[in-house]
Amino acid sequence: MEAEIIANKQLFRISAQIGRWFYEIQIDGKRDGFFFMDVDQMKDLTTELLLYNGQLTHGYINFVDSVVFLIKILIYCAEKSAAEYSVTLSKNLMDHYNRYPGYSKIYDIFWNFFLKKNLDDQCSLMLSSVIGDEGQIWESSNFEKQEIINKVKYLTKGTKYQPDTDLIEKMIMS
């Protein structure tokens, strides 16, 4: 029960901080000099959010959707802020993915972010960690393989990475 209360408070505090930052950007039109968010605070908050253990939250909180939503707002705010915020966030997201590679509920957020930033090495690493020779997909059940390949195909559609996912799908189906 105590761990549940702490987890809920942590998520609400993260939400409040990101919400305040969003407010300063949207309403006050700021790009830097934020009241609650300097670059180091954003880095710490991003790490805390990415490592958030929602398993401890009460059932009425859908922590996965909450974390996904907050990460999207965090990315939006970093991109609307001074360049140092976006650069720091890019490094933070890369470090996190490199430490915890593979397919997860936030894979598409990372993918879209790196693709938009033209971080080809990171996109290649992401694909390799999921559908490469040693990728996560090969240890998954048939159902999971199909779910992952469908998501990755959707994400790579119309990009230079699409042929890779098409080839892997053919291998899985044969």
N, C-alpha and C. Protein backbone atom coordinates (compact mmCIF):
# COMPACT_ATOMS: atom_id res chain seq x y z
N MET A 1 0.82 -1.20 0.00
CA MET A 1 0.00 0.00 0.00
C MET A 1 0.86 1.26 0.00
N GLU A 2 1.91 1.28 0.81
CA GLU A 2 2.77 2.46 0.87
C GLU A 2 3.50 2.68 -0.46
N ALA A 3 3.96 1.57 -1.08
CA ALA A 3 4.63 1.68 -2.39
C ALA A 3 3.67 2.22 -3.43
N GLU A 4 2.41 1.82 -3.35
CA GLU A 4 1.38 2.29 -4.27
C GLU A 4 1.17 3.80 -4.14
N ILE A 5 1.13 4.28 -2.93
CA ILE A 5 0.95 5.72 -2.68
C ILE A 5 2.15 6.49 -3.22
N ILE A 6 3.35 5.99 -2.99
CA ILE A 6 4.55 6.65 -3.48
C ILE A 6 4.56 6.69 -5.00
N ALA A 7 4.21 5.58 -5.65
CA ALA A 7 4.18 5.53 -7.12
C ALA A 7 3.16 6.51 -7.68
N ASN A 8 1.98 6.58 -7.06
CA ASN A 8 0.96 7.53 -7.52
C ASN A 8 1.44 8.96 -7.37
N LYS A 9 2.03 9.28 -6.23
CA LYS A 9 2.54 10.64 -6.01
C LYS A 9 3.62 10.99 -7.01
N GLN A 10 4.48 10.02 -7.31
CA GLN A 10 5.56 10.25 -8.27
C GLN A 10 4.98 10.59 -9.65
N LEU A 11 3.99 9.83 -10.09
CA LEU A 11 3.38 10.09 -11.39
C LEU A 11 2.67 11.45 -11.41
N PHE A 12 1.99 11.78 -10.33
CA PHE A 12 1.29 13.07 -10.27
C PHE A 12 2.29 14.24 -10.25
N ARG A 13 3.42 14.07 -9.55
CA ARG A 13 4.43 15.12 -9.51
C ARG A 13 5.05 15.32 -10.89
N ILE A 14 5.37 14.23 -11.57
CA ILE A 14 5.92 14.32 -12.93
C ILE A 14 4.92 15.02 -13.84
N SER A 15 3.66 14.65 -13.73
CA SER A 15 2.60 15.27 -14.54
C SER A 15 2.52 16.77 -14.29
N ALA A 16 2.59 17.15 -13.03
CA ALA A 16 2.50 18.57 -12.68
C ALA A 16 3.68 19.35 -13.25
N GLN A 17 4.88 18.79 -13.14
CA GLN A 17 6.06 19.49 -13.66
C GLN A 17 5.99 19.66 -15.17
N ILE A 18 5.64 18.60 -15.86
CA ILE A 18 5.54 18.69 -17.32
C ILE A 18 4.39 19.62 -17.71
N GLY A 19 3.28 19.55 -16.97
CA GLY A 19 2.15 20.43 -17.23
C GLY A 19 2.51 21.90 -17.07
N ARG A 20 3.28 22.22 -16.05
CA ARG A 20 3.71 23.60 -15.82
C ARG A 20 4.61 24.07 -16.97
N TRP A 21 5.51 23.21 -17.40
CA TRP A 21 6.40 23.54 -18.52
C TRP A 21 5.58 23.79 -19.79
N PHE A 22 4.65 22.90 -20.04
CA PHE A 22 3.77 23.04 -21.20
C PHE A 22 3.01 24.37 -21.14
N TYR A 23 2.53 24.72 -19.96
CA TYR A 23 1.79 25.97 -19.77
C TYR A 23 2.67 27.16 -20.11
N GLU A 24 3.91 27.15 -19.62
CA GLU A 24 4.80 28.28 -19.88
C GLU A 24 5.10 28.43 -21.38
N ILE A 25 5.16 27.33 -22.09
CA ILE A 25 5.41 27.38 -23.53
C ILE A 25 4.16 27.85 -24.27
N GLN A 26 3.03 27.24 -23.96
CA GLN A 26 1.78 27.52 -24.67
C GLN A 26 1.19 28.89 -24.33
N ILE A 27 1.13 29.21 -23.06
CA ILE A 27 0.46 30.44 -22.64
C ILE A 27 1.41 31.63 -22.60
N ASP A 28 2.59 31.42 -22.02
CA ASP A 28 3.53 32.52 -21.87
C ASP A 28 4.44 32.70 -23.09
N GLY A 29 4.47 31.71 -23.98
CA GLY A 29 5.29 31.80 -25.18
C GLY A 29 6.79 31.74 -24.94
N LYS A 30 7.20 31.16 -23.82
CA LYS A 30 8.62 31.09 -23.49
C LYS A 30 9.33 30.01 -24.30
N ARG A 31 10.64 30.24 -24.51
CA ARG A 31 11.51 29.22 -25.13
C ARG A 31 12.61 28.80 -24.16
N ASP A 32 12.86 29.61 -23.16
CA ASP A 32 13.82 29.27 -22.11
C ASP A 32 13.53 30.13 -20.89
N GLY A 33 14.34 30.01 -19.85
CA GLY A 33 14.11 30.76 -18.62
C GLY A 33 12.85 30.30 -17.90
N PHE A 34 12.58 29.01 -17.97
CA PHE A 34 11.36 28.47 -17.36
C PHE A 34 11.47 28.50 -15.84
N PHE A 35 10.34 28.66 -15.22
CA PHE A 35 10.29 28.75 -13.77
C PHE A 35 10.64 27.42 -13.11
N PHE A 36 10.16 26.32 -13.65
CA PHE A 36 10.33 25.02 -13.02
C PHE A 36 11.24 24.06 -13.78
N MET A 37 11.77 24.45 -14.93
CA MET A 37 12.43 23.45 -15.77
C MET A 37 13.68 23.99 -16.45
N ASP A 38 14.82 23.70 -15.86
CA ASP A 38 16.06 23.96 -16.59
C ASP A 38 16.47 22.64 -17.27
N VAL A 39 17.53 22.66 -18.03
CA VAL A 39 17.92 21.49 -18.82
C VAL A 39 18.23 20.28 -17.92
N ASP A 40 18.93 20.52 -16.83
CA ASP A 40 19.26 19.40 -15.93
C ASP A 40 18.00 18.81 -15.29
N GLN A 41 17.07 19.68 -14.92
CA GLN A 41 15.81 19.18 -14.35
C GLN A 41 15.03 18.37 -15.38
N MET A 42 15.05 18.82 -16.65
CA MET A 42 14.36 18.08 -17.70
C MET A 42 15.00 16.70 -17.88
N LYS A 43 16.32 16.66 -17.85
CA LYS A 43 17.03 15.38 -18.01
C LYS A 43 16.66 14.43 -16.87
N ASP A 44 16.68 14.92 -15.64
CA ASP A 44 16.31 14.08 -14.49
C ASP A 44 14.86 13.63 -14.57
N LEU A 45 13.98 14.53 -14.97
CA LEU A 45 12.55 14.21 -15.07
C LEU A 45 12.31 13.17 -16.17
N THR A 46 13.02 13.31 -17.29
CA THR A 46 12.89 12.35 -18.38
C THR A 46 13.32 10.96 -17.92
N THR A 47 14.45 10.90 -17.26
CA THR A 47 14.94 9.61 -16.74
C THR A 47 13.95 9.01 -15.76
N GLU A 48 13.45 9.81 -14.86
CA GLU A 48 12.48 9.33 -13.87
C GLU A 48 11.21 8.81 -14.56
N LEU A 49 10.76 9.50 -15.57
CA LEU A 49 9.55 9.09 -16.29
C LEU A 49 9.79 7.78 -17.06
N LEU A 50 10.93 7.68 -17.73
CA LEU A 50 11.23 6.48 -18.51
C LEU A 50 11.42 5.25 -17.63
N LEU A 51 11.88 5.45 -16.41
CA LEU A 51 12.10 4.34 -15.49
C LEU A 51 10.93 4.13 -14.53
N TYR A 52 9.88 4.88 -14.69
CA TYR A 52 8.73 4.83 -13.78
C TYR A 52 8.17 3.41 -13.70
N ASN A 53 7.99 2.93 -12.50
CA ASN A 53 7.45 1.60 -12.28
C ASN A 53 5.96 1.69 -11.97
N GLY A 54 5.18 1.68 -12.99
CA GLY A 54 3.73 1.80 -12.84
C GLY A 54 3.06 0.57 -12.28
N GLN A 55 3.81 -0.53 -12.16
CA GLN A 55 3.21 -1.75 -11.61
C GLN A 55 2.72 -1.51 -10.18
N LEU A 56 3.27 -0.51 -9.54
CA LEU A 56 2.91 -0.24 -8.15
C LEU A 56 1.69 0.67 -8.01
N THR A 57 1.22 1.25 -9.11
CA THR A 57 0.11 2.18 -9.02
C THR A 57 -1.21 1.47 -8.79
N HIS A 58 -2.15 2.23 -8.34
CA HIS A 58 -3.50 1.70 -8.12
C HIS A 58 -4.14 1.41 -9.48
N GLY A 59 -5.01 0.47 -9.53
CA GLY A 59 -5.63 0.04 -10.77
C GLY A 59 -6.38 1.11 -11.54
N TYR A 60 -6.81 2.17 -10.86
CA TYR A 60 -7.57 3.20 -11.56
C TYR A 60 -6.68 4.09 -12.42
N ILE A 61 -5.38 3.94 -12.31
CA ILE A 61 -4.45 4.72 -13.12
C ILE A 61 -3.88 3.82 -14.20
N ASN A 62 -4.14 4.17 -15.46
CA ASN A 62 -3.54 3.43 -16.57
C ASN A 62 -2.15 4.01 -16.78
N PHE A 63 -1.18 3.47 -16.08
CA PHE A 63 0.15 4.07 -16.09
C PHE A 63 0.82 4.02 -17.46
N VAL A 64 0.58 3.00 -18.26
CA VAL A 64 1.23 2.92 -19.57
C VAL A 64 0.79 4.09 -20.44
N ASP A 65 -0.52 4.29 -20.54
CA ASP A 65 -1.02 5.41 -21.34
C ASP A 65 -0.58 6.75 -20.76
N SER A 66 -0.53 6.84 -19.44
CA SER A 66 -0.08 8.08 -18.80
C SER A 66 1.37 8.38 -19.14
N VAL A 67 2.22 7.39 -19.05
CA VAL A 67 3.64 7.58 -19.36
C VAL A 67 3.83 7.94 -20.83
N VAL A 68 3.13 7.26 -21.72
CA VAL A 68 3.21 7.55 -23.16
C VAL A 68 2.79 9.00 -23.42
N PHE A 69 1.68 9.41 -22.84
CA PHE A 69 1.18 10.77 -23.02
C PHE A 69 2.19 11.80 -22.50
N LEU A 70 2.74 11.54 -21.32
CA LEU A 70 3.69 12.48 -20.73
C LEU A 70 4.98 12.56 -21.54
N ILE A 71 5.44 11.45 -22.08
CA ILE A 71 6.64 11.47 -22.93
C ILE A 71 6.37 12.30 -24.18
N LYS A 72 5.19 12.16 -24.76
CA LYS A 72 4.85 12.95 -25.96
C LYS A 72 4.83 14.45 -25.64
N ILE A 73 4.29 14.82 -24.49
CA ILE A 73 4.28 16.23 -24.11
C ILE A 73 5.70 16.71 -23.82
N LEU A 74 6.50 15.88 -23.18
CA LEU A 74 7.88 16.22 -22.89
C LEU A 74 8.65 16.49 -24.19
N ILE A 75 8.46 15.64 -25.18
CA ILE A 75 9.11 15.83 -26.49
C ILE A 75 8.64 17.13 -27.12
N TYR A 76 7.34 17.37 -27.09
CA TYR A 76 6.79 18.61 -27.65
C TYR A 76 7.43 19.82 -26.98
N CYS A 77 7.49 19.82 -25.67
CA CYS A 77 8.04 20.96 -24.93
C CYS A 77 9.52 21.16 -25.25
N ALA A 78 10.28 20.06 -25.32
CA ALA A 78 11.71 20.16 -25.61
C ALA A 78 11.94 20.75 -27.00
N GLU A 79 11.08 20.35 -27.95
CA GLU A 79 11.24 20.85 -29.32
C GLU A 79 10.81 22.31 -29.45
N LYS A 80 9.92 22.76 -28.60
CA LYS A 80 9.48 24.16 -28.64
C LYS A 80 10.40 25.07 -27.82
N SER A 81 11.29 24.47 -27.05
CA SER A 81 12.18 25.24 -26.19
C SER A 81 13.50 25.51 -26.91
N ALA A 82 14.41 26.13 -26.21
CA ALA A 82 15.73 26.40 -26.77
C ALA A 82 16.40 25.09 -27.19
N ALA A 83 17.31 25.18 -28.14
CA ALA A 83 17.94 23.99 -28.74
C ALA A 83 18.57 23.06 -27.72
N GLU A 84 19.10 23.60 -26.64
CA GLU A 84 19.78 22.76 -25.65
C GLU A 84 18.82 21.74 -25.03
N TYR A 85 17.54 22.07 -24.94
CA TYR A 85 16.56 21.12 -24.40
C TYR A 85 16.38 19.94 -25.35
N SER A 86 16.25 20.22 -26.62
CA SER A 86 16.06 19.17 -27.61
C SER A 86 17.29 18.28 -27.72
N VAL A 87 18.46 18.87 -27.70
CA VAL A 87 19.71 18.11 -27.79
C VAL A 87 19.85 17.20 -26.56
N THR A 88 19.58 17.74 -25.40
CA THR A 88 19.68 16.96 -24.17
C THR A 88 18.66 15.83 -24.15
N LEU A 89 17.45 16.11 -24.60
CA LEU A 89 16.42 15.07 -24.65
C LEU A 89 16.82 13.97 -25.63
N SER A 90 17.36 14.34 -26.79
CA SER A 90 17.82 13.34 -27.76
C SER A 90 18.84 12.40 -27.13
N LYS A 91 19.81 12.98 -26.45
CA LYS A 91 20.85 12.16 -25.80
C LYS A 91 20.23 11.27 -24.72
N ASN A 92 19.31 11.82 -23.96
CA ASN A 92 18.67 11.06 -22.89
C ASN A 92 17.87 9.89 -23.44
N LEU A 93 17.11 10.13 -24.50
CA LEU A 93 16.32 9.06 -25.10
C LEU A 93 17.21 7.99 -25.73
N MET A 94 18.28 8.42 -26.39
CA MET A 94 19.21 7.46 -26.97
C MET A 94 19.85 6.60 -25.89
N ASP A 95 20.31 7.24 -24.83
CA ASP A 95 20.92 6.50 -23.72
C ASP A 95 19.95 5.49 -23.14
N HIS A 96 18.71 5.91 -22.95
CA HIS A 96 17.71 5.01 -22.37
C HIS A 96 17.45 3.82 -23.30
N TYR A 97 17.25 4.09 -24.58
CA TYR A 97 16.96 2.98 -25.50
C TYR A 97 18.16 2.04 -25.61
N ASN A 98 19.36 2.59 -25.64
CA ASN A 98 20.55 1.76 -25.75
C ASN A 98 20.74 0.88 -24.51
N ARG A 99 20.31 1.38 -23.37
CA ARG A 99 20.39 0.61 -22.13
C ARG A 99 19.28 -0.44 -22.03
N TYR A 100 18.10 -0.12 -22.56
CA TYR A 100 16.93 -1.00 -22.50
C TYR A 100 16.36 -1.19 -23.91
N PRO A 101 17.11 -1.88 -24.79
CA PRO A 101 16.64 -2.02 -26.17
C PRO A 101 15.49 -3.00 -26.30
N GLY A 102 14.85 -2.97 -27.44
CA GLY A 102 13.78 -3.92 -27.74
C GLY A 102 12.44 -3.23 -27.91
N TYR A 103 11.47 -4.06 -28.21
CA TYR A 103 10.12 -3.57 -28.46
C TYR A 103 9.39 -3.39 -27.14
N SER A 104 8.73 -2.25 -26.98
CA SER A 104 7.95 -1.97 -25.78
C SER A 104 6.81 -1.03 -26.17
N LYS A 105 6.03 -0.64 -25.19
CA LYS A 105 4.90 0.26 -25.43
C LYS A 105 5.33 1.63 -25.93
N ILE A 106 6.58 2.00 -25.68
CA ILE A 106 7.05 3.33 -26.11
C ILE A 106 7.99 3.26 -27.31
N TYR A 107 8.09 2.09 -27.94
CA TYR A 107 8.97 1.91 -29.09
C TYR A 107 8.63 2.91 -30.20
N ASP A 108 7.34 3.07 -30.49
CA ASP A 108 6.95 3.95 -31.59
C ASP A 108 7.29 5.41 -31.30
N ILE A 109 7.25 5.81 -30.04
CA ILE A 109 7.62 7.19 -29.69
C ILE A 109 9.10 7.41 -29.97
N PHE A 110 9.92 6.47 -29.51
CA PHE A 110 11.35 6.56 -29.77
C PHE A 110 11.62 6.56 -31.28
N TRP A 111 10.99 5.61 -31.99
CA TRP A 111 11.21 5.49 -33.43
C TRP A 111 10.88 6.80 -34.15
N ASN A 112 9.71 7.33 -33.92
CA ASN A 112 9.29 8.56 -34.59
C ASN A 112 10.20 9.73 -34.23
N PHE A 113 10.62 9.80 -32.99
CA PHE A 113 11.51 10.87 -32.56
C PHE A 113 12.86 10.79 -33.29
N PHE A 114 13.45 9.59 -33.29
CA PHE A 114 14.76 9.42 -33.95
C PHE A 114 14.67 9.59 -35.46
N LEU A 115 13.59 9.10 -36.05
CA LEU A 115 13.41 9.24 -37.49
C LEU A 115 13.28 10.72 -37.87
N LYS A 116 12.50 11.46 -37.11
CA LYS A 116 12.30 12.89 -37.37
C LYS A 116 13.62 13.66 -37.23
N LYS A 117 14.47 13.21 -36.31
CA LYS A 117 15.77 13.88 -36.09
C LYS A 117 16.85 13.39 -37.05
N ASN A 118 16.48 12.47 -37.97
CA ASN A 118 17.43 11.89 -38.93
C ASN A 118 18.60 11.18 -38.23
N LEU A 119 18.31 10.52 -37.14
CA LEU A 119 19.32 9.77 -36.41
C LEU A 119 19.33 8.33 -36.94
N ASP A 120 19.91 8.18 -38.13
CA ASP A 120 19.88 6.90 -38.84
C ASP A 120 20.54 5.77 -38.05
N ASP A 121 21.64 6.05 -37.38
CA ASP A 121 22.31 5.00 -36.61
C ASP A 121 21.40 4.48 -35.50
N GLN A 122 20.67 5.39 -34.88
CA GLN A 122 19.78 4.99 -33.80
C GLN A 122 18.59 4.20 -34.35
N CYS A 123 18.05 4.62 -35.49
CA CYS A 123 16.95 3.87 -36.11
C CYS A 123 17.41 2.47 -36.50
N SER A 124 18.61 2.37 -37.06
CA SER A 124 19.15 1.05 -37.43
C SER A 124 19.34 0.17 -36.19
N LEU A 125 19.83 0.76 -35.12
CA LEU A 125 19.99 0.02 -33.87
C LEU A 125 18.64 -0.47 -33.35
N MET A 126 17.63 0.38 -33.44
CA MET A 126 16.30 -0.01 -32.98
C MET A 126 15.77 -1.19 -33.78
N LEU A 127 15.91 -1.12 -35.09
CA LEU A 127 15.44 -2.23 -35.92
C LEU A 127 16.22 -3.50 -35.63
N SER A 128 17.52 -3.37 -35.49
CA SER A 128 18.36 -4.53 -35.22
C SER A 128 17.99 -5.18 -33.89
N SER A 129 17.71 -4.38 -32.87
CA SER A 129 17.39 -4.93 -31.55
C SER A 129 16.05 -5.65 -31.53
N VAL A 130 15.22 -5.37 -32.53
CA VAL A 130 13.89 -5.99 -32.57
C VAL A 130 13.82 -7.07 -33.65
N ILE A 131 14.28 -6.76 -34.88
CA ILE A 131 14.11 -7.72 -35.98
C ILE A 131 15.44 -8.18 -36.58
N GLY A 132 16.56 -7.80 -36.00
CA GLY A 132 17.86 -8.23 -36.50
C GLY A 132 18.12 -9.70 -36.19
N ASP A 133 19.29 -10.18 -36.58
CA ASP A 133 19.64 -11.58 -36.37
C ASP A 133 19.51 -12.02 -34.91
N GLU A 134 19.87 -11.15 -34.00
CA GLU A 134 19.77 -11.45 -32.57
C GLU A 134 18.60 -10.70 -31.93
N GLY A 135 17.68 -10.24 -32.73
CA GLY A 135 16.58 -9.39 -32.26
C GLY A 135 15.56 -10.10 -31.38
N GLN A 136 14.84 -9.29 -30.68
CA GLN A 136 13.82 -9.75 -29.74
C GLN A 136 12.74 -10.60 -30.41
N ILE A 137 12.46 -10.33 -31.66
CA ILE A 137 11.37 -11.02 -32.35
C ILE A 137 11.58 -12.53 -32.42
N TRP A 138 12.83 -12.97 -32.51
CA TRP A 138 13.13 -14.39 -32.69
C TRP A 138 12.90 -15.20 -31.41
N GLU A 139 12.77 -14.52 -30.29
CA GLU A 139 12.49 -15.21 -29.03
C GLU A 139 11.03 -15.09 -28.63
N SER A 140 10.24 -14.50 -29.48
CA SER A 140 8.83 -14.24 -29.18
C SER A 140 7.94 -15.36 -29.71
N SER A 141 6.74 -15.44 -29.14
CA SER A 141 5.76 -16.40 -29.65
C SER A 141 5.30 -15.96 -31.04
N ASN A 142 4.64 -16.86 -31.76
CA ASN A 142 4.16 -16.51 -33.11
C ASN A 142 3.23 -15.31 -33.08
N PHE A 143 2.35 -15.27 -32.10
CA PHE A 143 1.43 -14.13 -31.97
C PHE A 143 2.21 -12.83 -31.76
N GLU A 144 3.18 -12.87 -30.84
CA GLU A 144 3.98 -11.68 -30.56
C GLU A 144 4.80 -11.26 -31.78
N LYS A 145 5.34 -12.25 -32.50
CA LYS A 145 6.10 -11.94 -33.71
C LYS A 145 5.24 -11.15 -34.69
N GLN A 146 4.03 -11.63 -34.90
CA GLN A 146 3.15 -10.97 -35.85
C GLN A 146 2.78 -9.57 -35.37
N GLU A 147 2.53 -9.43 -34.08
CA GLU A 147 2.19 -8.12 -33.52
C GLU A 147 3.36 -7.14 -33.68
N ILE A 148 4.55 -7.60 -33.38
CA ILE A 148 5.74 -6.74 -33.48
C ILE A 148 6.00 -6.37 -34.95
N ILE A 149 5.96 -7.35 -35.84
CA ILE A 149 6.26 -7.06 -37.25
C ILE A 149 5.21 -6.12 -37.84
N ASN A 150 3.95 -6.28 -37.45
CA ASN A 150 2.91 -5.36 -37.93
C ASN A 150 3.19 -3.93 -37.48
N LYS A 151 3.59 -3.76 -36.22
CA LYS A 151 3.87 -2.43 -35.70
C LYS A 151 5.10 -1.83 -36.38
N VAL A 152 6.14 -2.64 -36.50
CA VAL A 152 7.38 -2.14 -37.12
C VAL A 152 7.16 -1.84 -38.60
N LYS A 153 6.38 -2.68 -39.28
CA LYS A 153 6.07 -2.40 -40.70
C LYS A 153 5.33 -1.07 -40.84
N TYR A 154 4.39 -0.84 -39.94
CA TYR A 154 3.63 0.41 -39.96
C TYR A 154 4.58 1.61 -39.75
N LEU A 155 5.49 1.48 -38.81
CA LEU A 155 6.41 2.57 -38.51
C LEU A 155 7.41 2.83 -39.63
N THR A 156 7.80 1.77 -40.35
CA THR A 156 8.81 1.94 -41.40
C THR A 156 8.22 2.18 -42.78
N LYS A 157 6.91 2.11 -42.90
CA LYS A 157 6.27 2.30 -44.21
C LYS A 157 6.68 3.64 -44.83
N GLY A 158 7.13 3.56 -46.07
CA GLY A 158 7.52 4.77 -46.78
C GLY A 158 8.89 5.31 -46.40
N THR A 159 9.64 4.56 -45.59
CA THR A 159 10.99 4.99 -45.22
C THR A 159 12.00 4.04 -45.87
N LYS A 160 13.25 4.38 -45.76
CA LYS A 160 14.29 3.52 -46.33
C LYS A 160 14.42 2.20 -45.57
N TYR A 161 13.75 2.08 -44.43
CA TYR A 161 13.81 0.87 -43.62
C TYR A 161 12.73 -0.15 -43.98
N GLN A 162 11.79 0.23 -44.83
CA GLN A 162 10.68 -0.66 -45.18
C GLN A 162 11.14 -1.98 -45.79
N PRO A 163 12.11 -1.99 -46.71
CA PRO A 163 12.52 -3.29 -47.28
C PRO A 163 13.01 -4.28 -46.21
N ASP A 164 13.67 -3.78 -45.17
CA ASP A 164 14.13 -4.66 -44.09
C ASP A 164 12.96 -5.35 -43.40
N THR A 165 11.93 -4.59 -43.11
CA THR A 165 10.78 -5.18 -42.41
C THR A 165 9.99 -6.10 -43.33
N ASP A 166 9.93 -5.78 -44.61
CA ASP A 166 9.24 -6.66 -45.57
C ASP A 166 9.96 -8.01 -45.64
N LEU A 167 11.30 -7.98 -45.66
CA LEU A 167 12.09 -9.22 -45.71
C LEU A 167 11.87 -10.06 -44.46
N ILE A 168 11.90 -9.43 -43.31
CA ILE A 168 11.71 -10.16 -42.05
C ILE A 168 10.31 -10.77 -42.00
N GLU A 169 9.32 -10.05 -42.48
CA GLU A 169 7.96 -10.60 -42.49
C GLU A 169 7.90 -11.86 -43.35
N LYS A 170 8.56 -11.83 -44.49
CA LYS A 170 8.58 -13.02 -45.36
C LYS A 170 9.25 -14.19 -44.67
N MET A 171 10.32 -13.90 -43.95
CA MET A 171 11.03 -14.97 -43.22
C MET A 171 10.14 -15.56 -42.13
N ILE A 172 9.41 -14.73 -41.45
CA ILE A 172 8.53 -15.20 -40.36
C ILE A 172 7.39 -16.03 -40.91
N MET A 173 6.86 -15.61 -42.04
CA MET A 173 5.68 -16.28 -42.60
C MET A 173 6.05 -17.61 -43.28
N SER A 174 7.32 -17.80 -43.59
CA SER A 174 7.68 -19.04 -44.30
C SER A 174 7.99 -20.17 -43.34
